[in-house]
Amino acid sequence: MKQFFILLTFIMGVGAYAQNFHKNPCIAHRGAWKNTGVPENTMASFQKAAEMGCHGSEFDVWFTAEDSLIVYHDARRNGKLIEETPFAELRAQHLADGTKIPTLGEFLDYVSQFKRTKIIIDVKTFVKDKPRTVQLAKAIHKMVCDRGLQKRVEYLFGYLPAIEALSPITDIPMAYLGSYKKDLPECSPESVKQKGLKCLDYQDQQYKKHPEWLPEFKKMGVHLNVWTVNDYAEIDNFLSQGFNYITTNEPEKVLKIYKDNKKRYKRALKN
């Protein structure tokens, strides 16, 4: 009987832990950097987002030339593609705050201390060798699993085959980003249903181009995120339509407007 109660306590503890993220829709895009004085896409910007109370903080991951995992946003640094640059060459360079470009392992080990903020990993799509993105996704997922962070992570993808590759082996939420500044007829509600996508994270203008899609997505139970929204009126617009997440460069705005209108936005989520 004693062992039963120990097991029950453990299960209840795990359940409580899983629900312990900050309860708001704010995803800090590359961390909280714009108004905090720290560089974007760094451990410092993730920490700032966590200290603000953001539900999640997003960052970007690439392979180097020899398949080292690094946290960096742009496809190029100093004119050279990240995917073709040796790790040692990148490591020798410094970010704006004087720190080195972090490996994914270093990044995860540091940010895992901020247990109430979700770790949102944008798996970058390769410029020259798109199929290599699948190997990148698998390598990232292995590192996440090795550290036992599956319940604290979500993935973002701009490359559908990577989602298809991971779907059979994990239940970690995976959102499709769509194509930057391009129309997305291939990801209409009908197509999303056929592909089995459960989470979407389209650029704001895509939702505006296709307002007729939103009721269909909600009816299908699709988890909706939008990027990158920094204007108060736009933030209110998307939350009023029942979006689950708002990805923003100014998390302070999302947190404030959500706090001031929480009941109304919660009703919108249920409609």
Protein backbone atom coordinates (compact mmCIF):
# COMPACT_ATOMS: atom_id res chain seq x y z
CA MET A 1 0.00 0.00 0.00
CA LYS A 2 2.87 2.36 0.85
CA GLN A 3 4.41 1.73 -2.57
CA PHE A 4 1.06 2.49 -4.21
CA PHE A 5 0.84 5.90 -2.53
CA ILE A 6 4.46 6.69 -3.47
CA LEU A 7 3.66 5.86 -7.10
CA LEU A 8 0.44 7.91 -6.98
CA THR A 9 2.32 10.89 -5.53
CA PHE A 10 4.92 10.62 -8.29
CA ILE A 11 2.27 10.49 -11.03
CA MET A 12 0.43 13.49 -9.55
CA GLY A 13 3.71 15.37 -9.34
CA VAL A 14 4.51 14.71 -12.99
CA GLY A 15 1.03 15.84 -13.98
CA ALA A 16 1.35 19.03 -11.99
CA TYR A 17 4.78 19.71 -13.47
CA ALA A 18 3.41 19.29 -16.99
CA GLN A 19 0.85 22.02 -16.29
CA ASN A 20 3.28 24.43 -14.65
CA PHE A 21 4.16 26.61 -17.66
CA HIS A 22 3.23 30.28 -17.52
CA LYS A 23 -0.42 30.48 -18.55
CA ASN A 24 -0.40 33.02 -21.35
CA PRO A 25 -0.10 32.92 -25.17
CA CYS A 26 3.22 34.79 -25.37
CA ILE A 27 6.06 33.24 -27.36
CA ALA A 28 9.15 35.46 -27.34
CA HIS A 29 10.60 35.46 -30.87
CA ARG A 30 14.34 34.75 -30.48
CA GLY A 31 13.85 35.53 -26.81
CA ALA A 32 13.21 38.91 -25.20
CA TRP A 33 15.84 41.13 -26.78
CA LYS A 34 14.32 44.21 -28.41
CA ASN A 35 13.72 46.16 -25.21
CA THR A 36 16.15 44.43 -22.86
CA GLY A 37 19.57 45.24 -24.29
CA VAL A 38 20.67 41.65 -24.91
CA PRO A 39 21.33 40.02 -28.31
CA GLU A 40 18.57 38.00 -29.94
CA ASN A 41 18.66 34.21 -30.09
CA THR A 42 20.94 33.89 -27.07
CA MET A 43 20.79 32.27 -23.67
CA ALA A 44 20.49 35.78 -22.21
CA SER A 45 17.42 36.60 -24.34
CA PHE A 46 15.79 33.29 -23.34
CA GLN A 47 16.45 34.11 -19.70
CA LYS A 48 14.90 37.57 -20.09
CA ALA A 49 11.78 35.98 -21.63
CA ALA A 50 11.56 33.50 -18.78
CA GLU A 51 11.95 36.24 -16.18
CA MET A 52 9.14 38.20 -17.84
CA GLY A 53 6.87 35.18 -17.50
CA CYS A 54 6.54 34.22 -21.16
CA HIS A 55 4.84 30.91 -21.89
CA GLY A 56 7.58 30.07 -24.38
CA SER A 57 10.77 31.40 -25.92
CA GLU A 58 11.82 30.53 -29.46
CA PHE A 59 15.29 30.08 -30.93
CA ASP A 60 16.81 28.72 -34.14
CA VAL A 61 19.09 25.74 -34.72
CA TRP A 62 21.37 24.85 -37.64
CA PHE A 63 23.87 22.18 -38.60
CA THR A 64 27.38 23.40 -39.35
CA ALA A 65 29.40 21.88 -42.19
CA GLU A 66 30.28 18.83 -40.10
CA ASP A 67 26.85 18.44 -38.47
CA SER A 68 27.52 20.27 -35.22
CA LEU A 69 24.34 21.74 -33.73
CA ILE A 70 24.48 25.48 -33.10
CA VAL A 71 21.96 28.13 -32.05
CA TYR A 72 21.89 30.92 -34.63
CA HIS A 73 19.20 32.58 -36.71
CA ASP A 74 20.50 33.73 -40.08
CA ALA A 75 21.35 31.32 -42.87
CA ARG A 76 24.67 33.13 -43.34
CA ARG A 77 27.32 34.67 -41.13
CA ASN A 78 29.88 37.01 -42.65
CA GLY A 79 28.57 36.06 -46.07
CA LYS A 80 29.06 32.30 -45.65
CA LEU A 81 26.28 29.74 -45.31
CA ILE A 82 26.12 28.26 -41.81
CA GLU A 83 25.51 24.82 -43.32
CA GLU A 84 28.85 25.05 -45.18
CA THR A 85 30.94 26.65 -42.42
CA PRO A 86 33.08 24.52 -40.05
CA PHE A 87 32.11 24.66 -36.39
CA ALA A 88 35.56 25.87 -35.28
CA GLU A 89 35.34 28.87 -37.60
CA LEU A 90 31.93 29.86 -36.22
CA ARG A 91 32.98 29.22 -32.65
CA ALA A 92 35.91 31.61 -33.01
CA GLN A 93 33.47 34.44 -33.73
CA HIS A 94 31.59 36.35 -31.06
CA LEU A 95 28.07 37.67 -30.70
CA ALA A 96 27.22 41.28 -29.89
CA ASP A 97 27.56 40.70 -26.15
CA GLY A 98 30.99 39.11 -26.52
CA THR A 99 29.82 35.54 -25.98
CA LYS A 100 30.48 32.68 -28.38
CA ILE A 101 27.83 31.20 -30.66
CA PRO A 102 26.37 28.47 -28.41
CA THR A 103 25.97 24.83 -29.24
CA LEU A 104 22.50 23.40 -28.84
CA GLY A 105 23.76 21.29 -25.94
CA GLU A 106 25.06 24.33 -24.09
CA PHE A 107 21.85 26.22 -24.80
CA LEU A 108 19.55 23.45 -23.57
CA ASP A 109 21.63 22.84 -20.45
CA TYR A 110 21.37 26.52 -19.54
CA VAL A 111 17.73 27.28 -20.36
CA SER A 112 16.40 24.07 -18.81
CA GLN A 113 16.65 25.81 -15.43
CA PHE A 114 13.72 28.06 -16.43
CA LYS A 115 11.08 25.42 -15.91
CA ARG A 116 7.97 27.57 -16.47
CA THR A 117 8.91 28.72 -19.98
CA LYS A 118 8.60 26.31 -22.90
CA ILE A 119 11.59 25.66 -25.11
CA ILE A 120 10.48 26.41 -28.68
CA ILE A 121 12.99 25.13 -31.25
CA ASP A 122 12.86 26.41 -34.83
CA VAL A 123 14.50 23.71 -36.96
CA LYS A 124 16.02 25.69 -39.82
CA THR A 125 15.57 24.58 -43.42
CA PHE A 126 18.79 24.18 -45.38
CA VAL A 127 19.40 26.55 -48.25
CA LYS A 128 21.24 24.24 -50.65
CA ASP A 129 20.40 20.76 -49.37
CA LYS A 130 16.82 20.79 -48.08
CA PRO A 131 16.63 17.00 -47.44
CA ARG A 132 19.45 17.44 -44.91
CA THR A 133 16.86 19.21 -42.76
CA VAL A 134 15.47 15.78 -41.85
CA GLN A 135 18.84 14.75 -40.39
CA LEU A 136 18.97 18.04 -38.49
CA ALA A 137 15.52 17.41 -37.02
CA LYS A 138 16.49 13.91 -35.90
CA ALA A 139 19.73 15.14 -34.32
CA ILE A 140 17.91 17.88 -32.41
CA HIS A 141 15.25 15.43 -31.25
CA LYS A 142 17.88 12.98 -30.01
CA MET A 143 19.56 15.71 -27.97
CA VAL A 144 16.21 16.77 -26.50
CA CYS A 145 15.42 13.16 -25.55
CA ASP A 146 18.89 12.53 -24.12
CA ARG A 147 18.25 15.41 -21.72
CA GLY A 148 14.71 14.29 -20.85
CA LEU A 149 13.17 17.53 -22.11
CA GLN A 150 10.40 16.05 -24.28
CA LYS A 151 7.60 17.50 -22.11
CA ARG A 152 9.12 20.97 -22.16
CA VAL A 153 9.82 21.37 -25.88
CA GLU A 154 7.91 22.24 -29.04
CA TYR A 155 9.29 22.19 -32.59
CA LEU A 156 8.78 24.55 -35.52
CA PHE A 157 9.44 23.48 -39.11
CA GLY A 158 9.42 25.12 -42.50
CA TYR A 159 10.08 21.77 -44.18
CA LEU A 160 7.18 19.30 -44.17
CA PRO A 161 9.25 16.12 -44.71
CA ALA A 162 10.96 16.78 -41.37
CA ILE A 163 7.59 16.75 -39.60
CA GLU A 164 6.69 13.55 -41.43
CA ALA A 165 9.97 11.97 -40.32
CA LEU A 166 9.50 12.76 -36.62
CA SER A 167 5.75 12.19 -36.33
CA PRO A 168 5.98 8.38 -35.94
CA ILE A 169 8.55 8.61 -33.14
CA THR A 170 7.37 11.48 -30.92
CA ASP A 171 4.29 13.24 -29.60
CA ILE A 172 6.15 16.52 -29.10
CA PRO A 173 4.03 19.29 -30.70
CA MET A 174 5.33 20.22 -34.15
CA ALA A 175 4.07 23.31 -35.98
CA TYR A 176 4.40 24.02 -39.69
CA LEU A 177 5.69 27.52 -40.48
CA GLY A 178 4.69 27.76 -44.10
CA SER A 179 6.67 29.82 -46.60
CA TYR A 180 7.95 33.28 -45.79
CA LYS A 181 6.09 35.99 -47.75
CA LYS A 182 4.59 33.42 -50.13
CA ASP A 183 1.03 32.25 -50.56
CA LEU A 184 0.18 28.87 -49.04
CA PRO A 185 -2.53 27.17 -51.11
CA GLU A 186 -0.92 23.82 -50.31
CA CYS A 187 -1.78 24.37 -46.65
CA SER A 188 -5.46 25.15 -46.85
CA PRO A 189 -7.64 23.42 -44.23
CA GLU A 190 -8.27 20.50 -46.58
CA SER A 191 -4.56 20.02 -47.21
CA VAL A 192 -3.70 20.42 -43.52
CA LYS A 193 -6.23 17.70 -42.70
CA GLN A 194 -4.80 15.38 -45.37
CA LYS A 195 -1.26 15.91 -44.07
CA GLY A 196 -2.36 15.31 -40.48
CA LEU A 197 -0.92 18.61 -39.24
CA LYS A 198 -2.06 19.49 -35.73
CA CYS A 199 -0.23 22.79 -35.21
CA LEU A 200 0.29 25.77 -37.52
CA ASP A 201 2.51 28.80 -37.13
CA TYR A 202 1.95 30.94 -40.22
CA GLN A 203 3.17 34.46 -40.84
CA ASP A 204 0.48 37.01 -39.95
CA GLN A 205 -0.18 38.02 -43.55
CA GLN A 206 -1.11 34.45 -44.51
CA TYR A 207 -4.00 34.40 -42.04
CA LYS A 208 -5.07 37.83 -43.29
CA LYS A 209 -5.07 36.60 -46.90
CA HIS A 210 -7.26 33.65 -45.97
CA PRO A 211 -9.66 34.65 -43.16
CA GLU A 212 -12.02 31.93 -44.36
CA TRP A 213 -9.50 29.33 -43.19
CA LEU A 214 -9.66 30.25 -39.50
CA PRO A 215 -13.11 28.79 -38.67
CA GLU A 216 -12.11 25.58 -40.45
CA PHE A 217 -8.82 25.30 -38.58
CA LYS A 218 -10.58 25.85 -35.26
CA LYS A 219 -13.26 23.30 -36.12
CA MET A 220 -10.47 20.81 -36.86
CA GLY A 221 -8.86 21.53 -33.48
CA VAL A 222 -5.65 22.88 -35.02
CA HIS A 223 -3.38 24.70 -32.57
CA LEU A 224 -2.82 28.19 -34.02
CA ASN A 225 0.27 30.35 -33.64
CA VAL A 226 1.11 33.49 -35.63
CA TRP A 227 4.37 35.36 -36.26
CA THR A 228 5.67 37.99 -35.84
CA VAL A 229 3.09 40.32 -34.25
CA ASN A 230 4.26 43.44 -32.40
CA ASP A 231 1.38 45.93 -32.69
CA TYR A 232 -1.19 46.17 -29.87
CA ALA A 233 -4.15 46.23 -32.27
CA GLU A 234 -2.85 43.24 -34.20
CA ILE A 235 -2.14 41.29 -31.03
CA ASP A 236 -5.70 41.97 -29.88
CA ASN A 237 -7.07 40.98 -33.29
CA PHE A 238 -5.45 37.54 -33.29
CA LEU A 239 -6.21 36.80 -29.63
CA SER A 240 -9.83 37.85 -30.19
CA GLN A 241 -10.01 35.25 -32.97
CA GLY A 242 -8.97 32.51 -30.58
CA PHE A 243 -5.30 32.05 -31.43
CA ASN A 244 -3.40 29.87 -28.98
CA TYR A 245 -0.02 31.59 -29.32
CA ILE A 246 1.30 34.98 -30.40
CA THR A 247 4.95 35.02 -31.46
CA THR A 248 6.38 38.49 -30.95
CA ASN A 249 9.54 40.59 -30.78
CA GLU A 250 7.91 42.58 -27.98
CA PRO A 251 6.67 40.09 -25.39
CA GLU A 252 5.98 42.92 -22.95
CA LYS A 253 3.07 44.01 -25.15
CA VAL A 254 1.53 40.55 -25.44
CA LEU A 255 1.81 39.94 -21.71
CA LYS A 256 0.20 43.29 -20.88
CA ILE A 257 -2.71 43.06 -23.30
CA TYR A 258 -3.39 39.46 -22.30
CA LYS A 259 -3.41 40.35 -18.61
CA ASP A 260 -5.82 43.24 -19.24
CA ASN A 261 -8.23 41.17 -21.37
CA LYS A 262 -7.72 37.61 -20.17
CA LYS A 263 -11.38 36.67 -19.73
CA ARG A 264 -12.34 37.87 -23.22
CA TYR A 265 -9.48 35.99 -24.86
CA LYS A 266 -10.29 32.81 -22.96
CA ARG A 267 -13.86 33.00 -24.25
CA ALA A 268 -12.54 33.41 -27.79
CA LEU A 269 -10.49 30.24 -27.39
CA LYS A 270 -13.62 28.27 -26.53
CA ASN A 271 -15.69 29.56 -29.45
